[in-house]
N, C-alpha and C. Protein backbone atom coordinates (compact mmCIF):
# COMPACT_ATOMS: atom_id res chain seq x y z
N UNK A 1 0.83 -1.17 0.00
CA UNK A 1 0.00 0.00 0.00
C UNK A 1 0.88 1.24 0.00
N UNK A 2 0.35 2.31 -0.50
CA UNK A 2 1.13 3.52 -0.65
C UNK A 2 0.84 4.50 0.48
N UNK A 3 1.76 5.47 0.64
CA UNK A 3 1.52 6.52 1.61
C UNK A 3 0.46 7.45 1.07
N UNK A 4 -0.36 7.95 1.96
CA UNK A 4 -1.36 8.92 1.54
C UNK A 4 -1.72 9.80 2.72
N UNK A 5 -2.63 10.70 2.50
CA UNK A 5 -2.97 11.65 3.55
C UNK A 5 -3.73 10.97 4.68
N UNK A 6 -4.13 11.76 5.65
CA UNK A 6 -4.86 11.24 6.80
C UNK A 6 -6.13 10.51 6.39
N UNK A 7 -6.54 9.62 7.22
CA UNK A 7 -7.81 8.94 6.99
C UNK A 7 -8.95 9.91 7.26
N UNK A 8 -10.00 9.82 6.47
CA UNK A 8 -11.16 10.68 6.69
C UNK A 8 -11.95 10.18 7.89
N UNK A 9 -12.87 11.02 8.34
CA UNK A 9 -13.70 10.63 9.49
C UNK A 9 -14.56 9.42 9.16
N UNK A 10 -14.97 9.30 7.91
CA UNK A 10 -15.77 8.15 7.49
C UNK A 10 -14.94 6.87 7.59
N UNK A 11 -13.71 6.93 7.10
CA UNK A 11 -12.82 5.76 7.17
C UNK A 11 -12.51 5.39 8.61
N UNK A 12 -12.30 6.40 9.46
CA UNK A 12 -12.06 6.11 10.88
C UNK A 12 -13.28 5.43 11.50
N UNK A 13 -14.47 5.91 11.14
CA UNK A 13 -15.69 5.29 11.64
C UNK A 13 -15.85 3.86 11.16
N UNK A 14 -15.46 3.61 9.90
CA UNK A 14 -15.53 2.25 9.37
C UNK A 14 -14.57 1.33 10.12
N UNK A 15 -13.37 1.84 10.42
CA UNK A 15 -12.39 1.04 11.17
C UNK A 15 -12.93 0.69 12.55
N UNK A 16 -13.44 1.69 13.24
CA UNK A 16 -13.93 1.48 14.60
C UNK A 16 -15.12 0.51 14.60
N UNK A 17 -16.03 0.71 13.65
CA UNK A 17 -17.20 -0.16 13.58
C UNK A 17 -16.84 -1.59 13.25
N UNK A 18 -15.97 -1.78 12.28
CA UNK A 18 -15.58 -3.13 11.85
C UNK A 18 -14.83 -3.85 12.96
N UNK A 19 -13.92 -3.12 13.66
CA UNK A 19 -13.16 -3.75 14.74
C UNK A 19 -14.05 -4.04 15.94
N UNK A 20 -14.97 -3.12 16.25
CA UNK A 20 -15.87 -3.33 17.39
C UNK A 20 -16.81 -4.50 17.14
N UNK A 21 -17.10 -4.74 15.87
CA UNK A 21 -17.99 -5.85 15.51
C UNK A 21 -17.27 -7.19 15.58
N UNK A 22 -15.95 -7.17 15.73
CA UNK A 22 -15.21 -8.41 15.88
C UNK A 22 -14.30 -8.74 14.72
N UNK A 23 -14.12 -7.85 13.78
CA UNK A 23 -13.24 -8.10 12.64
C UNK A 23 -11.78 -8.07 13.05
N UNK A 24 -10.97 -8.88 12.39
CA UNK A 24 -9.54 -8.89 12.71
C UNK A 24 -8.87 -7.67 12.10
N UNK A 25 -7.63 -7.45 12.47
CA UNK A 25 -6.88 -6.31 11.96
C UNK A 25 -6.68 -6.43 10.46
N UNK A 26 -6.31 -7.60 9.98
CA UNK A 26 -6.07 -7.79 8.55
C UNK A 26 -7.35 -7.63 7.74
N UNK A 27 -8.45 -8.20 8.22
CA UNK A 27 -9.73 -8.06 7.52
C UNK A 27 -10.16 -6.60 7.45
N UNK A 28 -9.99 -5.89 8.56
CA UNK A 28 -10.38 -4.49 8.59
C UNK A 28 -9.51 -3.66 7.66
N UNK A 29 -8.21 -3.95 7.63
CA UNK A 29 -7.30 -3.20 6.75
C UNK A 29 -7.67 -3.43 5.29
N UNK A 30 -8.01 -4.65 4.93
CA UNK A 30 -8.43 -4.93 3.56
C UNK A 30 -9.77 -4.27 3.24
N UNK A 31 -10.67 -4.24 4.20
CA UNK A 31 -12.00 -3.65 4.00
C UNK A 31 -11.91 -2.14 3.79
N UNK A 32 -11.08 -1.47 4.59
CA UNK A 32 -10.98 -0.01 4.51
C UNK A 32 -9.92 0.42 3.50
N UNK A 33 -9.06 -0.50 3.10
CA UNK A 33 -7.95 -0.22 2.17
C UNK A 33 -6.96 0.77 2.78
N UNK A 34 -6.46 0.41 3.95
CA UNK A 34 -5.42 1.21 4.61
C UNK A 34 -4.41 0.24 5.23
N UNK A 35 -3.33 0.79 5.72
CA UNK A 35 -2.29 -0.06 6.31
C UNK A 35 -2.73 -0.56 7.68
N UNK A 36 -2.12 -1.65 8.10
CA UNK A 36 -2.43 -2.21 9.41
C UNK A 36 -1.98 -1.26 10.51
N UNK A 37 -0.84 -0.58 10.31
CA UNK A 37 -0.33 0.34 11.32
C UNK A 37 -1.30 1.51 11.53
N UNK A 38 -1.81 2.06 10.43
CA UNK A 38 -2.77 3.16 10.54
C UNK A 38 -4.03 2.70 11.25
N UNK A 39 -4.45 1.50 10.96
CA UNK A 39 -5.65 0.94 11.58
C UNK A 39 -5.45 0.80 13.08
N UNK A 40 -4.32 0.29 13.49
CA UNK A 40 -4.06 0.10 14.92
C UNK A 40 -4.01 1.45 15.63
N UNK A 41 -3.39 2.44 15.01
CA UNK A 41 -3.30 3.76 15.62
C UNK A 41 -4.69 4.36 15.81
N UNK A 42 -5.53 4.27 14.79
CA UNK A 42 -6.88 4.84 14.88
C UNK A 42 -7.69 4.11 15.94
N UNK A 43 -7.63 2.79 15.96
CA UNK A 43 -8.44 2.03 16.92
C UNK A 43 -7.99 2.28 18.35
N UNK A 44 -6.67 2.35 18.59
CA UNK A 44 -6.18 2.64 19.94
C UNK A 44 -6.56 4.05 20.37
N UNK A 45 -6.50 5.00 19.43
CA UNK A 45 -6.90 6.37 19.76
C UNK A 45 -8.37 6.41 20.15
N UNK A 46 -9.19 5.62 19.47
CA UNK A 46 -10.61 5.57 19.80
C UNK A 46 -10.81 4.95 21.19
N UNK A 47 -10.05 3.89 21.48
CA UNK A 47 -10.18 3.23 22.78
C UNK A 47 -9.84 4.19 23.92
N UNK A 48 -8.81 5.02 23.73
CA UNK A 48 -8.38 5.93 24.79
C UNK A 48 -9.02 7.31 24.67
N UNK A 49 -9.89 7.50 23.68
CA UNK A 49 -10.63 8.75 23.56
C UNK A 49 -9.83 9.92 23.06
N UNK A 50 -8.83 9.67 22.21
CA UNK A 50 -7.99 10.76 21.73
C UNK A 50 -7.94 10.80 20.21
N UNK A 51 -9.05 10.58 19.54
CA UNK A 51 -9.04 10.59 18.08
C UNK A 51 -8.87 12.02 17.59
N UNK A 52 -7.91 12.20 16.73
CA UNK A 52 -7.68 13.49 16.08
C UNK A 52 -6.78 13.24 14.88
N UNK A 53 -6.62 14.22 14.03
CA UNK A 53 -5.72 14.07 12.90
C UNK A 53 -4.29 14.10 13.41
N UNK A 54 -3.51 13.12 13.03
CA UNK A 54 -2.17 12.97 13.56
C UNK A 54 -1.13 13.82 12.83
N UNK A 55 -1.35 14.08 11.57
CA UNK A 55 -0.35 14.80 10.78
C UNK A 55 -0.62 16.29 10.81
N UNK A 56 -0.02 16.93 11.75
CA UNK A 56 -0.15 18.38 11.84
C UNK A 56 1.09 19.00 11.23
N UNK A 57 0.93 20.13 10.61
CA UNK A 57 2.07 20.83 10.06
C UNK A 57 2.93 21.41 11.15
N UNK A 58 4.20 21.55 10.89
CA UNK A 58 5.10 22.16 11.86
C UNK A 58 5.27 23.62 11.51
N UNK A 59 5.47 24.43 12.51
CA UNK A 59 5.62 25.86 12.31
C UNK A 59 7.09 26.22 12.20
N UNK A 60 7.36 27.21 11.38
CA UNK A 60 8.71 27.75 11.30
C UNK A 60 9.63 26.96 10.40
N UNK A 61 10.84 27.44 10.33
CA UNK A 61 11.86 26.82 9.50
C UNK A 61 12.43 25.60 10.20
N UNK A 62 13.03 24.68 9.44
CA UNK A 62 13.67 23.53 10.08
C UNK A 62 14.85 23.97 10.94
N UNK A 63 15.15 23.21 11.97
CA UNK A 63 16.22 23.57 12.89
C UNK A 63 17.57 23.52 12.20
N UNK A 64 18.41 24.49 12.50
CA UNK A 64 19.74 24.55 11.91
C UNK A 64 20.69 23.58 12.62
N UNK A 65 20.52 23.42 13.92
CA UNK A 65 21.36 22.51 14.71
C UNK A 65 20.44 21.49 15.36
N UNK A 66 20.57 20.23 14.94
CA UNK A 66 19.73 19.17 15.51
C UNK A 66 20.55 18.30 16.45
N UNK A 67 20.13 17.10 16.69
CA UNK A 67 20.72 16.21 17.69
C UNK A 67 22.22 16.07 17.64
N UNK A 68 22.76 15.66 16.51
CA UNK A 68 24.20 15.45 16.40
C UNK A 68 24.95 16.76 16.56
N UNK A 69 24.42 17.83 15.97
CA UNK A 69 25.03 19.14 16.09
C UNK A 69 25.02 19.65 17.52
N UNK A 70 23.93 19.37 18.24
CA UNK A 70 23.86 19.78 19.64
C UNK A 70 24.92 19.05 20.47
N UNK A 71 25.09 17.76 20.21
CA UNK A 71 26.12 17.01 20.95
C UNK A 71 27.51 17.53 20.64
N UNK A 72 27.74 17.89 19.37
CA UNK A 72 29.04 18.44 18.99
C UNK A 72 29.27 19.78 19.67
N UNK A 73 28.25 20.63 19.70
CA UNK A 73 28.37 21.93 20.35
C UNK A 73 28.61 21.77 21.84
N UNK A 74 27.93 20.82 22.47
CA UNK A 74 28.15 20.57 23.89
C UNK A 74 29.60 20.17 24.16
N UNK A 75 30.15 19.30 23.30
CA UNK A 75 31.56 18.91 23.47
C UNK A 75 32.49 20.10 23.31
N UNK A 76 32.19 20.97 22.33
CA UNK A 76 33.02 22.16 22.12
C UNK A 76 33.00 23.07 23.34
N UNK A 77 31.83 23.24 23.93
CA UNK A 77 31.70 24.11 25.10
C UNK A 77 32.40 23.49 26.30
N UNK A 78 32.25 22.19 26.49
CA UNK A 78 32.84 21.54 27.66
C UNK A 78 34.36 21.45 27.58
N UNK A 79 34.91 21.38 26.36
CA UNK A 79 36.38 21.34 26.25
C UNK A 79 37.00 22.71 26.49
N UNK A 80 36.31 23.78 26.13
CA UNK A 80 36.82 25.13 26.36
C UNK A 80 35.69 25.98 26.92
N UNK A 81 35.59 26.02 28.24
CA UNK A 81 34.49 26.72 28.89
C UNK A 81 34.52 28.23 28.68
N UNK A 82 35.69 28.77 28.40
CA UNK A 82 35.83 30.23 28.27
C UNK A 82 35.72 30.69 26.82
N UNK A 83 35.33 29.81 25.92
CA UNK A 83 35.22 30.18 24.51
C UNK A 83 34.05 31.13 24.31
N UNK A 84 34.25 32.11 23.42
CA UNK A 84 33.18 33.05 23.11
C UNK A 84 32.23 32.41 22.10
N UNK A 85 31.12 33.07 21.89
CA UNK A 85 30.13 32.56 20.94
C UNK A 85 30.73 32.55 19.53
N UNK A 86 31.51 33.56 19.21
CA UNK A 86 32.13 33.61 17.88
C UNK A 86 33.10 32.45 17.68
N UNK A 87 33.87 32.11 18.72
CA UNK A 87 34.80 30.98 18.62
C UNK A 87 34.03 29.67 18.47
N UNK A 88 32.95 29.52 19.21
CA UNK A 88 32.14 28.32 19.09
C UNK A 88 31.51 28.22 17.71
N UNK A 89 31.08 29.36 17.17
CA UNK A 89 30.49 29.38 15.83
C UNK A 89 31.52 28.96 14.79
N UNK A 90 32.74 29.46 14.94
CA UNK A 90 33.81 29.08 14.00
C UNK A 90 34.09 27.58 14.08
N UNK A 91 34.08 27.02 15.29
CA UNK A 91 34.30 25.58 15.44
C UNK A 91 33.17 24.78 14.82
N UNK A 92 31.94 25.25 14.99
CA UNK A 92 30.79 24.54 14.42
C UNK A 92 30.79 24.59 12.90
N UNK A 93 31.21 25.73 12.34
CA UNK A 93 31.19 25.90 10.88
C UNK A 93 32.40 25.26 10.20
N UNK A 94 33.41 24.92 10.97
CA UNK A 94 34.61 24.31 10.42
C UNK A 94 34.30 22.89 9.95
N UNK A 95 34.37 22.68 8.65
CA UNK A 95 34.13 21.37 8.08
C UNK A 95 32.67 20.98 8.02
N UNK A 96 31.77 21.91 8.24
CA UNK A 96 30.34 21.60 8.21
C UNK A 96 29.78 21.87 6.83
N UNK A 97 28.76 21.13 6.47
CA UNK A 97 28.12 21.35 5.17
C UNK A 97 27.15 22.53 5.23
N UNK A 98 26.58 22.78 6.40
CA UNK A 98 25.63 23.87 6.57
C UNK A 98 26.15 24.80 7.67
N UNK A 99 26.40 26.06 7.33
CA UNK A 99 26.92 26.98 8.33
C UNK A 99 25.79 27.54 9.18
N UNK A 100 26.13 27.87 10.41
CA UNK A 100 25.14 28.42 11.34
C UNK A 100 25.62 29.78 11.82
N UNK A 101 24.69 30.61 12.26
CA UNK A 101 25.04 31.95 12.72
C UNK A 101 25.39 31.91 14.21
N UNK A 102 26.02 33.00 14.65
CA UNK A 102 26.40 33.08 16.07
C UNK A 102 25.16 33.17 16.95
N UNK A 103 24.09 33.77 16.45
CA UNK A 103 22.85 33.85 17.22
C UNK A 103 22.28 32.46 17.46
N UNK A 104 22.33 31.62 16.43
CA UNK A 104 21.84 30.24 16.57
C UNK A 104 22.67 29.49 17.60
N UNK A 105 23.98 29.63 17.53
CA UNK A 105 24.86 28.94 18.48
C UNK A 105 24.56 29.41 19.89
N UNK A 106 24.40 30.72 20.08
CA UNK A 106 24.12 31.26 21.40
C UNK A 106 22.80 30.71 21.94
N UNK A 107 21.77 30.66 21.10
CA UNK A 107 20.46 30.16 21.52
C UNK A 107 20.53 28.68 21.91
N UNK A 108 21.25 27.88 21.12
CA UNK A 108 21.34 26.45 21.41
C UNK A 108 22.14 26.20 22.68
N UNK A 109 23.20 26.97 22.91
CA UNK A 109 23.98 26.83 24.14
C UNK A 109 23.11 27.14 25.35
N UNK A 110 22.28 28.16 25.23
CA UNK A 110 21.37 28.49 26.34
C UNK A 110 20.36 27.38 26.56
N UNK A 111 19.87 26.77 25.48
CA UNK A 111 18.92 25.67 25.62
C UNK A 111 19.56 24.43 26.23
N UNK A 112 20.86 24.25 25.99
CA UNK A 112 21.57 23.09 26.54
C UNK A 112 21.93 23.29 28.01
N UNK A 113 21.75 24.50 28.54
CA UNK A 113 22.08 24.82 29.92
C UNK A 113 23.55 24.56 30.23
N UNK A 114 24.40 24.96 29.31
CA UNK A 114 25.84 24.84 29.51
C UNK A 114 26.39 26.25 29.57
N UNK A 115 26.94 26.63 30.71
CA UNK A 115 27.40 28.00 30.91
C UNK A 115 28.86 28.01 31.32
N UNK A 116 29.45 29.20 31.30
CA UNK A 116 30.83 29.36 31.71
C UNK A 116 30.92 29.23 33.23
N UNK A 117 32.11 28.93 33.75
CA UNK A 117 32.26 28.76 35.21
C UNK A 117 31.89 30.03 35.98
N UNK A 118 32.17 31.22 35.41
CA UNK A 118 31.85 32.47 36.10
C UNK A 118 30.34 32.58 36.31
N UNK A 119 29.59 32.24 35.28
CA UNK A 119 28.14 32.37 35.36
C UNK A 119 27.57 31.37 36.36
N UNK A 120 28.14 30.17 36.39
CA UNK A 120 27.67 29.15 37.33
C UNK A 120 27.96 29.59 38.76
N UNK A 121 29.17 30.13 39.01
CA UNK A 121 29.53 30.52 40.36
C UNK A 121 28.68 31.70 40.84
N UNK A 122 28.36 32.65 39.94
CA UNK A 122 27.51 33.78 40.32
C UNK A 122 26.12 33.27 40.69
N UNK A 123 25.58 32.34 39.89
CA UNK A 123 24.26 31.78 40.18
C UNK A 123 24.28 31.02 41.49
N UNK A 124 25.37 30.29 41.76
CA UNK A 124 25.48 29.52 43.00
C UNK A 124 25.54 30.46 44.21
N UNK A 125 26.28 31.56 44.09
CA UNK A 125 26.38 32.52 45.18
C UNK A 125 25.01 33.14 45.45
N UNK A 126 24.28 33.46 44.39
CA UNK A 126 22.94 34.03 44.58
C UNK A 126 22.02 33.05 45.29
N UNK A 127 22.11 31.77 44.95
CA UNK A 127 21.26 30.78 45.60
C UNK A 127 21.62 30.61 47.06
N UNK A 128 22.91 30.71 47.38
CA UNK A 128 23.34 30.55 48.77
C UNK A 128 22.87 31.69 49.65
N UNK A 129 22.70 32.89 49.07
CA UNK A 129 22.31 34.05 49.88
C UNK A 129 20.80 34.21 49.99
N UNK A 130 20.02 33.30 49.44
CA UNK A 130 18.56 33.41 49.55
C UNK A 130 18.05 32.94 50.86
């Protein structure tokens, strides 16, 4: 079977009705003409009361630094804690197929919660005086 868009409400109703009546997964998939995986997802969603369209569009542009890039950036920060954002950006762009801006690097470092020792010690001192 081929990939296609979401199942319509009518098809979801047919799946639920056929399965509730006692039809097997394979019989129901052949009857509705959809994949077994889609059928199982729809039926489980109905059982738990969470039926909705699963394929929602994502907002915004794709991420410039994803999982592997984040791990690489974390290693760069941990090896040289005093590196500036510009130095980290140069390290990230060195040998990379897609270059990233210093703003992106700064934002990702903040999301990773990796800070310089000075910033950590200032935060620790503030917590101790509360």
